[in-house]
């Protein structure tokens, strides 16, 4: 009984590896942030949490992720700006 041949690749692939730049402990973007103001990462986490709350409030129906995110972003950024001016 003849054996099935497996395909062999004869071409070599040149894969490029992209490395991320090193991050210093004090990035220039965060040096002037006051201790009471949330960092951009904190704002993103709050927006994500609120967007998920909106999703749950709608009964966990998929398909409106962008609308939930934009609504959450408006609410959180508005709240953040109000706190900054107070």
PDB file of N, CA and C in Angstrom:
ATOM      1  N   UNK A   1       0.846  -1.165   0.000  1.00  0.00           N
ATOM      2  CA  UNK A   1       0.000   0.000   0.000  1.00  0.00           C
ATOM      3  C   UNK A   1       0.899   1.238   0.000  1.00  0.00           C
ATOM      4  N   UNK A   2       0.672   2.193  -0.915  1.00  0.00           N
ATOM      5  CA  UNK A   2       1.517   3.382  -0.988  1.00  0.00           C
ATOM      6  C   UNK A   2       1.214   4.328   0.178  1.00  0.00           C
ATOM      7  N   UNK A   3       2.266   4.997   0.628  1.00  0.00           N
ATOM      8  CA  UNK A   3       2.122   5.954   1.733  1.00  0.00           C
ATOM      9  C   UNK A   3       1.810   7.333   1.177  1.00  0.00           C
ATOM     10  N   UNK A   4       0.980   8.069   1.910  1.00  0.00           N
ATOM     11  CA  UNK A   4       0.642   9.430   1.504  1.00  0.00           C
ATOM     12  C   UNK A   4       1.832  10.339   1.787  1.00  0.00           C
ATOM     13  N   UNK A   5       2.117  11.210   0.851  1.00  0.00           N
ATOM     14  CA  UNK A   5       3.228  12.132   1.035  1.00  0.00           C
ATOM     15  C   UNK A   5       2.730  13.401   1.722  1.00  0.00           C
ATOM     16  N   UNK A   6       3.547  13.911   2.599  1.00  0.00           N
ATOM     17  CA  UNK A   6       3.199  15.165   3.268  1.00  0.00           C
ATOM     18  C   UNK A   6       3.828  16.309   2.487  1.00  0.00           C
ATOM     19  N   UNK A   7       3.123  17.410   2.370  1.00  0.00           N
ATOM     20  CA  UNK A   7       3.689  18.540   1.638  1.00  0.00           C
ATOM     21  C   UNK A   7       4.886  19.124   2.386  1.00  0.00           C
ATOM     22  N   UNK A   8       5.868  19.520   1.621  1.00  0.00           N
ATOM     23  CA  UNK A   8       7.059  20.114   2.212  1.00  0.00           C
ATOM     24  C   UNK A   8       7.189  21.543   1.712  1.00  0.00           C
ATOM     25  N   UNK A   9       7.559  22.395   2.599  1.00  0.00           N
ATOM     26  CA  UNK A   9       7.768  23.777   2.202  1.00  0.00           C
ATOM     27  C   UNK A   9       9.244  23.970   1.920  1.00  0.00           C
ATOM     28  N   UNK A  10       9.514  24.560   0.799  1.00  0.00           N
ATOM     29  CA  UNK A  10      10.915  24.764   0.420  1.00  0.00           C
ATOM     30  C   UNK A  10      11.309  26.225   0.524  1.00  0.00           C
ATOM     31  N   UNK A  11      10.322  27.105   0.740  1.00  0.00           N
ATOM     32  CA  UNK A  11      10.658  28.514   0.846  1.00  0.00           C
ATOM     33  C   UNK A  11      10.865  28.869   2.308  1.00  0.00           C
ATOM     34  N   UNK A  12      11.842  29.700   2.561  1.00  0.00           N
ATOM     35  CA  UNK A  12      12.079  30.145   3.930  1.00  0.00           C
ATOM     36  C   UNK A  12      11.335  31.454   4.145  1.00  0.00           C
ATOM     37  N   UNK A  13      10.846  31.635   5.334  1.00  0.00           N
ATOM     38  CA  UNK A  13      10.131  32.870   5.647  1.00  0.00           C
ATOM     39  C   UNK A  13      11.010  33.754   6.508  1.00  0.00           C
ATOM     40  N   UNK A  14      11.049  35.009   6.158  1.00  0.00           N
ATOM     41  CA  UNK A  14      11.802  35.974   6.960  1.00  0.00           C
ATOM     42  C   UNK A  14      10.826  36.713   7.850  1.00  0.00           C
ATOM     43  N   UNK A  15      10.844  36.382   9.118  1.00  0.00           N
ATOM     44  CA  UNK A  15       9.938  37.026  10.050  1.00  0.00           C
ATOM     45  C   UNK A  15      10.689  38.148  10.750  1.00  0.00           C
ATOM     46  N   UNK A  16      10.065  39.304  10.779  1.00  0.00           N
ATOM     47  CA  UNK A  16      10.660  40.426  11.477  1.00  0.00           C
ATOM     48  C   UNK A  16      10.062  40.520  12.862  1.00  0.00           C
ATOM     49  N   UNK A  17      10.897  40.789  13.823  1.00  0.00           N
ATOM     50  CA  UNK A  17      10.446  40.931  15.192  1.00  0.00           C
ATOM     51  C   UNK A  17      10.511  42.401  15.556  1.00  0.00           C
ATOM     52  N   UNK A  18       9.394  42.918  16.018  1.00  0.00           N
ATOM     53  CA  UNK A  18       9.339  44.310  16.421  1.00  0.00           C
ATOM     54  C   UNK A  18       9.431  44.357  17.937  1.00  0.00           C
ATOM     55  N   UNK A  19      10.347  45.139  18.442  1.00  0.00           N
ATOM     56  CA  UNK A  19      10.491  45.259  19.882  1.00  0.00           C
ATOM     57  C   UNK A  19       9.907  46.579  20.348  1.00  0.00           C
ATOM     58  N   UNK A  20       9.332  46.551  21.517  1.00  0.00           N
ATOM     59  CA  UNK A  20       8.744  47.751  22.102  1.00  0.00           C
ATOM     60  C   UNK A  20       9.854  48.552  22.789  1.00  0.00           C
ATOM     61  N   UNK A  21       9.753  49.881  22.763  1.00  0.00           N
ATOM     62  CA  UNK A  21      10.760  50.680  23.455  1.00  0.00           C
ATOM     63  C   UNK A  21      10.656  50.468  24.958  1.00  0.00           C
ATOM     64  N   UNK A  22      11.771  50.635  25.628  1.00  0.00           N
ATOM     65  CA  UNK A  22      11.772  50.474  27.074  1.00  0.00           C
ATOM     66  C   UNK A  22      11.022  51.621  27.716  1.00  0.00           C
ATOM     67  N   UNK A  23      10.333  51.308  28.794  1.00  0.00           N
ATOM     68  CA  UNK A  23       9.555  52.308  29.505  1.00  0.00           C
ATOM     69  C   UNK A  23      10.296  52.673  30.781  1.00  0.00           C
ATOM     70  N   UNK A  24      10.536  53.955  30.960  1.00  0.00           N
ATOM     71  CA  UNK A  24      11.204  54.386  32.187  1.00  0.00           C
ATOM     72  C   UNK A  24      10.191  54.459  33.314  1.00  0.00           C
ATOM     73  N   UNK A  25      10.655  54.521  34.523  1.00  0.00           N
ATOM     74  CA  UNK A  25       9.744  54.543  35.666  1.00  0.00           C
ATOM     75  C   UNK A  25       8.952  55.842  35.740  1.00  0.00           C
ATOM     76  N   UNK A  26       9.491  56.937  35.215  1.00  0.00           N
ATOM     77  CA  UNK A  26       8.754  58.204  35.196  1.00  0.00           C
ATOM     78  C   UNK A  26       8.656  58.677  33.762  1.00  0.00           C
ATOM     79  N   UNK A  27       7.511  58.441  33.171  1.00  0.00           N
ATOM     80  CA  UNK A  27       7.331  58.865  31.790  1.00  0.00           C
ATOM     81  C   UNK A  27       7.058  60.357  31.760  1.00  0.00           C
ATOM     82  N   UNK A  28       7.506  61.071  30.723  1.00  0.00           N
ATOM     83  CA  UNK A  28       7.302  62.513  30.652  1.00  0.00           C
ATOM     84  C   UNK A  28       5.836  62.916  30.682  1.00  0.00           C
ATOM     85  N   UNK A  29       4.958  62.087  30.156  1.00  0.00           N
ATOM     86  CA  UNK A  29       3.540  62.441  30.105  1.00  0.00           C
ATOM     87  C   UNK A  29       2.906  62.446  31.486  1.00  0.00           C
ATOM     88  N   UNK A  30       3.489  61.737  32.440  1.00  0.00           N
ATOM     89  CA  UNK A  30       2.873  61.623  33.754  1.00  0.00           C
ATOM     90  C   UNK A  30       3.624  62.378  34.837  1.00  0.00           C
ATOM     91  N   UNK A  31       4.646  63.107  34.509  1.00  0.00           N
ATOM     92  CA  UNK A  31       5.409  63.815  35.520  1.00  0.00           C
ATOM     93  C   UNK A  31       4.604  64.928  36.172  1.00  0.00           C
ATOM     94  N   UNK A  32       3.789  65.647  35.397  1.00  0.00           N
ATOM     95  CA  UNK A  32       3.077  66.802  35.905  1.00  0.00           C
ATOM     96  C   UNK A  32       1.651  66.492  36.339  1.00  0.00           C
ATOM     97  N   UNK A  33       1.325  65.250  36.579  1.00  0.00           N
ATOM     98  CA  UNK A  33      -0.027  64.876  36.987  1.00  0.00           C
ATOM     99  C   UNK A  33      -0.136  65.092  38.487  1.00  0.00           C
ATOM    100  N   UNK A  34      -1.184  65.803  38.893  1.00  0.00           N
ATOM    101  CA  UNK A  34      -1.364  66.037  40.323  1.00  0.00           C
ATOM    102  C   UNK A  34      -1.796  64.747  41.005  1.00  0.00           C
ATOM    103  N   UNK A  35      -1.492  64.607  42.292  1.00  0.00           N
ATOM    104  CA  UNK A  35      -1.801  63.351  42.991  1.00  0.00           C
ATOM    105  C   UNK A  35      -3.286  63.024  43.036  1.00  0.00           C
ATOM    106  N   UNK A  36      -4.156  64.047  42.966  1.00  0.00           N
ATOM    107  CA  UNK A  36      -5.591  63.803  43.064  1.00  0.00           C
ATOM    108  C   UNK A  36      -6.244  63.473  41.737  1.00  0.00           C
ATOM    109  N   UNK A  37      -5.590  63.766  40.616  1.00  0.00           N
ATOM    110  CA  UNK A  37      -6.206  63.502  39.317  1.00  0.00           C
ATOM    111  C   UNK A  37      -5.878  62.084  38.863  1.00  0.00           C
ATOM    112  N   UNK A  38      -6.872  61.395  38.312  1.00  0.00           N
ATOM    113  CA  UNK A  38      -6.621  60.035  37.853  1.00  0.00           C
ATOM    114  C   UNK A  38      -5.730  60.030  36.622  1.00  0.00           C
ATOM    115  N   UNK A  39      -4.930  58.995  36.502  1.00  0.00           N
ATOM    116  CA  UNK A  39      -4.076  58.848  35.330  1.00  0.00           C
ATOM    117  C   UNK A  39      -4.937  58.428  34.150  1.00  0.00           C
ATOM    118  N   UNK A  40      -4.423  58.583  32.935  1.00  0.00           N
ATOM    119  CA  UNK A  40      -5.201  58.141  31.763  1.00  0.00           C
ATOM    120  C   UNK A  40      -5.635  56.686  31.861  1.00  0.00           C
ATOM    121  N   UNK A  41      -4.814  55.860  32.469  1.00  0.00           N
ATOM    122  CA  UNK A  41      -5.161  54.446  32.597  1.00  0.00           C
ATOM    123  C   UNK A  41      -6.366  54.295  33.523  1.00  0.00           C
ATOM    124  N   UNK A  42      -6.408  55.079  34.625  1.00  0.00           N
ATOM    125  CA  UNK A  42      -7.550  55.013  35.526  1.00  0.00           C
ATOM    126  C   UNK A  42      -8.825  55.436  34.815  1.00  0.00           C
ATOM    127  N   UNK A  43      -8.745  56.483  33.986  1.00  0.00           N
ATOM    128  CA  UNK A  43      -9.921  56.924  33.244  1.00  0.00           C
ATOM    129  C   UNK A  43     -10.401  55.834  32.299  1.00  0.00           C
ATOM    130  N   UNK A  44      -9.475  55.179  31.628  1.00  0.00           N
ATOM    131  CA  UNK A  44      -9.869  54.117  30.704  1.00  0.00           C
ATOM    132  C   UNK A  44     -10.541  52.973  31.445  1.00  0.00           C
ATOM    133  N   UNK A  45     -10.035  52.632  32.612  1.00  0.00           N
ATOM    134  CA  UNK A  45     -10.643  51.564  33.402  1.00  0.00           C
ATOM    135  C   UNK A  45     -12.044  51.952  33.843  1.00  0.00           C
ATOM    136  N   UNK A  46     -12.232  53.213  34.237  1.00  0.00           N
ATOM    137  CA  UNK A  46     -13.557  53.679  34.641  1.00  0.00           C
ATOM    138  C   UNK A  46     -14.525  53.672  33.463  1.00  0.00           C
ATOM    139  N   UNK A  47     -14.045  54.078  32.300  1.00  0.00           N
ATOM    140  CA  UNK A  47     -14.880  54.065  31.101  1.00  0.00           C
ATOM    141  C   UNK A  47     -15.284  52.634  30.765  1.00  0.00           C
ATOM    142  N   UNK A  48     -14.335  51.733  30.857  1.00  0.00           N
ATOM    143  CA  UNK A  48     -14.613  50.327  30.558  1.00  0.00           C
ATOM    144  C   UNK A  48     -15.669  49.773  31.516  1.00  0.00           C
ATOM    145  N   UNK A  49     -15.525  50.086  32.809  1.00  0.00           N
ATOM    146  CA  UNK A  49     -16.498  49.616  33.801  1.00  0.00           C
ATOM    147  C   UNK A  49     -17.892  50.167  33.510  1.00  0.00           C
ATOM    148  N   UNK A  50     -17.971  51.466  33.196  1.00  0.00           N
ATOM    149  CA  UNK A  50     -19.267  52.080  32.929  1.00  0.00           C
ATOM    150  C   UNK A  50     -19.895  51.515  31.657  1.00  0.00           C
ATOM    151  N   UNK A  51     -19.076  51.283  30.643  1.00  0.00           N
ATOM    152  CA  UNK A  51     -19.591  50.697  29.403  1.00  0.00           C
ATOM    153  C   UNK A  51     -20.176  49.312  29.679  1.00  0.00           C
ATOM    154  N   UNK A  52     -19.521  48.568  30.543  1.00  0.00           N
ATOM    155  CA  UNK A  52     -20.044  47.240  30.886  1.00  0.00           C
ATOM    156  C   UNK A  52     -21.344  47.361  31.672  1.00  0.00           C
ATOM    157  N   UNK A  53     -21.429  48.351  32.554  1.00  0.00           N
ATOM    158  CA  UNK A  53     -22.677  48.580  33.282  1.00  0.00           C
ATOM    159  C   UNK A  53     -23.819  48.895  32.322  1.00  0.00           C
ATOM    160  N   UNK A  54     -23.547  49.732  31.330  1.00  0.00           N
ATOM    161  CA  UNK A  54     -24.569  50.065  30.336  1.00  0.00           C
ATOM    162  C   UNK A  54     -25.013  48.815  29.581  1.00  0.00           C
ATOM    163  N   UNK A  55     -24.051  47.965  29.233  1.00  0.00           N
ATOM    164  CA  UNK A  55     -24.341  46.695  28.552  1.00  0.00           C
ATOM    165  C   UNK A  55     -25.261  45.832  29.409  1.00  0.00           C
ATOM    166  N   UNK A  56     -24.960  45.758  30.709  1.00  0.00           N
ATOM    167  CA  UNK A  56     -25.795  44.961  31.617  1.00  0.00           C
ATOM    168  C   UNK A  56     -27.187  45.566  31.763  1.00  0.00           C
ATOM    169  N   UNK A  57     -27.252  46.907  31.824  1.00  0.00           N
ATOM    170  CA  UNK A  57     -28.540  47.582  31.960  1.00  0.00           C
ATOM    171  C   UNK A  57     -29.443  47.326  30.751  1.00  0.00           C
ATOM    172  N   UNK A  58     -28.851  47.104  29.587  1.00  0.00           N
ATOM    173  CA  UNK A  58     -29.628  46.814  28.375  1.00  0.00           C
ATOM    174  C   UNK A  58     -30.003  45.343  28.281  1.00  0.00           C
ATOM    175  N   UNK A  59     -29.683  44.564  29.298  1.00  0.00           N
ATOM    176  CA  UNK A  59     -30.033  43.143  29.281  1.00  0.00           C
ATOM    177  C   UNK A  59     -28.983  42.278  28.615  1.00  0.00           C
ATOM    178  N   UNK A  60     -27.755  42.763  28.550  1.00  0.00           N
ATOM    179  CA  UNK A  60     -26.627  42.015  27.970  1.00  0.00           C
ATOM    180  C   UNK A  60     -26.867  41.630  26.513  1.00  0.00           C
ATOM    181  N   UNK A  61     -27.475  42.520  25.778  1.00  0.00           N
ATOM    182  CA  UNK A  61     -27.723  42.295  24.355  1.00  0.00           C
ATOM    183  C   UNK A  61     -26.536  42.867  23.579  1.00  0.00           C
ATOM    184  N   UNK A  62     -25.899  42.031  22.783  1.00  0.00           N
ATOM    185  CA  UNK A  62     -24.729  42.449  22.018  1.00  0.00           C
ATOM    186  C   UNK A  62     -25.135  43.320  20.834  1.00  0.00           C
ATOM    187  N   UNK A  63     -24.170  44.069  20.314  1.00  0.00           N
ATOM    188  CA  UNK A  63     -24.403  44.837  19.103  1.00  0.00           C
ATOM    189  C   UNK A  63     -24.336  46.336  19.284  1.00  0.00           C
ATOM    190  N   UNK A  64     -24.244  46.800  20.518  1.00  0.00           N
ATOM    191  CA  UNK A  64     -24.178  48.236  20.748  1.00  0.00           C
ATOM    192  C   UNK A  64     -22.948  48.613  21.562  1.00  0.00           C
ATOM    193  N   UNK A  65     -21.862  47.883  21.345  1.00  0.00           N
ATOM    194  CA  UNK A  65     -20.649  48.103  22.109  1.00  0.00           C
ATOM    195  C   UNK A  65     -20.100  49.511  21.921  1.00  0.00           C
ATOM    196  N   UNK A  66     -20.092  49.984  20.677  1.00  0.00           N
ATOM    197  CA  UNK A  66     -19.563  51.322  20.407  1.00  0.00           C
ATOM    198  C   UNK A  66     -20.400  52.400  21.076  1.00  0.00           C
ATOM    199  N   UNK A  67     -21.715  52.252  21.019  1.00  0.00           N
ATOM    200  CA  UNK A  67     -22.595  53.234  21.653  1.00  0.00           C
ATOM    201  C   UNK A  67     -22.395  53.237  23.161  1.00  0.00           C
ATOM    202  N   UNK A  68     -22.261  52.035  23.754  1.00  0.00           N
ATOM    203  CA  UNK A  68     -22.019  51.939  25.196  1.00  0.00           C
ATOM    204  C   UNK A  68     -20.710  52.622  25.564  1.00  0.00           C
ATOM    205  N   UNK A  69     -19.666  52.358  24.772  1.00  0.00           N
ATOM    206  CA  UNK A  69     -18.358  52.941  25.054  1.00  0.00           C
ATOM    207  C   UNK A  69     -18.415  54.468  24.952  1.00  0.00           C
ATOM    208  N   UNK A  70     -19.033  54.985  23.908  1.00  0.00           N
ATOM    209  CA  UNK A  70     -19.101  56.442  23.725  1.00  0.00           C
ATOM    210  C   UNK A  70     -19.921  57.108  24.828  1.00  0.00           C
ATOM    211  N   UNK A  71     -21.011  56.478  25.220  1.00  0.00           N
ATOM    212  CA  UNK A  71     -21.825  57.018  26.307  1.00  0.00           C
ATOM    213  C   UNK A  71     -21.034  57.018  27.608  1.00  0.00           C
ATOM    214  N   UNK A  72     -20.352  55.924  27.887  1.00  0.00           N
ATOM    215  CA  UNK A  72     -19.538  55.825  29.103  1.00  0.00           C
ATOM    216  C   UNK A  72     -18.413  56.851  29.079  1.00  0.00           C
ATOM    217  N   UNK A  73     -17.798  57.026  27.928  1.00  0.00           N
ATOM    218  CA  UNK A  73     -16.713  57.994  27.787  1.00  0.00           C
ATOM    219  C   UNK A  73     -17.223  59.413  28.068  1.00  0.00           C
ATOM    220  N   UNK A  74     -18.378  59.757  27.519  1.00  0.00           N
ATOM    221  CA  UNK A  74     -18.963  61.083  27.772  1.00  0.00           C
ATOM    222  C   UNK A  74     -19.225  61.291  29.258  1.00  0.00           C
ATOM    223  N   UNK A  75     -19.817  60.287  29.902  1.00  0.00           N
ATOM    224  CA  UNK A  75     -20.151  60.408  31.323  1.00  0.00           C
ATOM    225  C   UNK A  75     -18.900  60.553  32.190  1.00  0.00           C
ATOM    226  N   UNK A  76     -17.924  59.691  31.973  1.00  0.00           N
ATOM    227  CA  UNK A  76     -16.728  59.683  32.816  1.00  0.00           C
ATOM    228  C   UNK A  76     -15.901  60.945  32.587  1.00  0.00           C
ATOM    229  N   UNK A  77     -15.710  61.343  31.332  1.00  0.00           N
ATOM    230  CA  UNK A  77     -14.911  62.537  31.056  1.00  0.00           C
ATOM    231  C   UNK A  77     -15.609  63.790  31.569  1.00  0.00           C
ATOM    232  N   UNK A  78     -16.927  63.838  31.465  1.00  0.00           N
ATOM    233  CA  UNK A  78     -17.673  64.971  31.988  1.00  0.00           C
ATOM    234  C   UNK A  78     -17.519  65.049  33.503  1.00  0.00           C
ATOM    235  N   UNK A  79     -17.637  63.918  34.169  1.00  0.00           N
ATOM    236  CA  UNK A  79     -17.469  63.858  35.620  1.00  0.00           C
ATOM    237  C   UNK A  79     -16.045  64.270  36.010  1.00  0.00           C
ATOM    238  N   UNK A  80     -15.075  63.808  35.248  1.00  0.00           N
ATOM    239  CA  UNK A  80     -13.669  64.128  35.520  1.00  0.00           C
ATOM    240  C   UNK A  80     -13.410  65.626  35.346  1.00  0.00           C
ATOM    241  N   UNK A  81     -13.951  66.214  34.294  1.00  0.00           N
ATOM    242  CA  UNK A  81     -13.759  67.653  34.056  1.00  0.00           C
ATOM    243  C   UNK A  81     -14.460  68.470  35.129  1.00  0.00           C
ATOM    244  N   UNK A  82     -15.614  68.014  35.588  1.00  0.00           N
ATOM    245  CA  UNK A  82     -16.338  68.714  36.643  1.00  0.00           C
ATOM    246  C   UNK A  82     -15.517  68.695  37.944  1.00  0.00           C
ATOM    247  N   UNK A  83     -14.886  67.553  38.252  1.00  0.00           N
ATOM    248  CA  UNK A  83     -14.057  67.446  39.448  1.00  0.00           C
ATOM    249  C   UNK A  83     -12.822  68.323  39.354  1.00  0.00           C
ATOM    250  N   UNK A  84     -12.263  68.461  38.141  1.00  0.00           N
ATOM    251  CA  UNK A  84     -11.070  69.273  37.952  1.00  0.00           C
ATOM    252  C   UNK A  84     -11.376  70.755  38.157  1.00  0.00           C
ATOM    253  N   UNK A  85     -12.582  71.194  37.783  1.00  0.00           N
ATOM    254  CA  UNK A  85     -12.920  72.609  37.892  1.00  0.00           C
ATOM    255  C   UNK A  85     -13.404  72.968  39.291  1.00  0.00           C
ATOM    256  N   UNK A  86     -13.750  71.984  40.090  1.00  0.00           N
ATOM    257  CA  UNK A  86     -14.255  72.262  41.440  1.00  0.00           C
ATOM    258  C   UNK A  86     -13.145  72.533  42.428  1.00  0.00           C
TER     259      UNK A  86
END
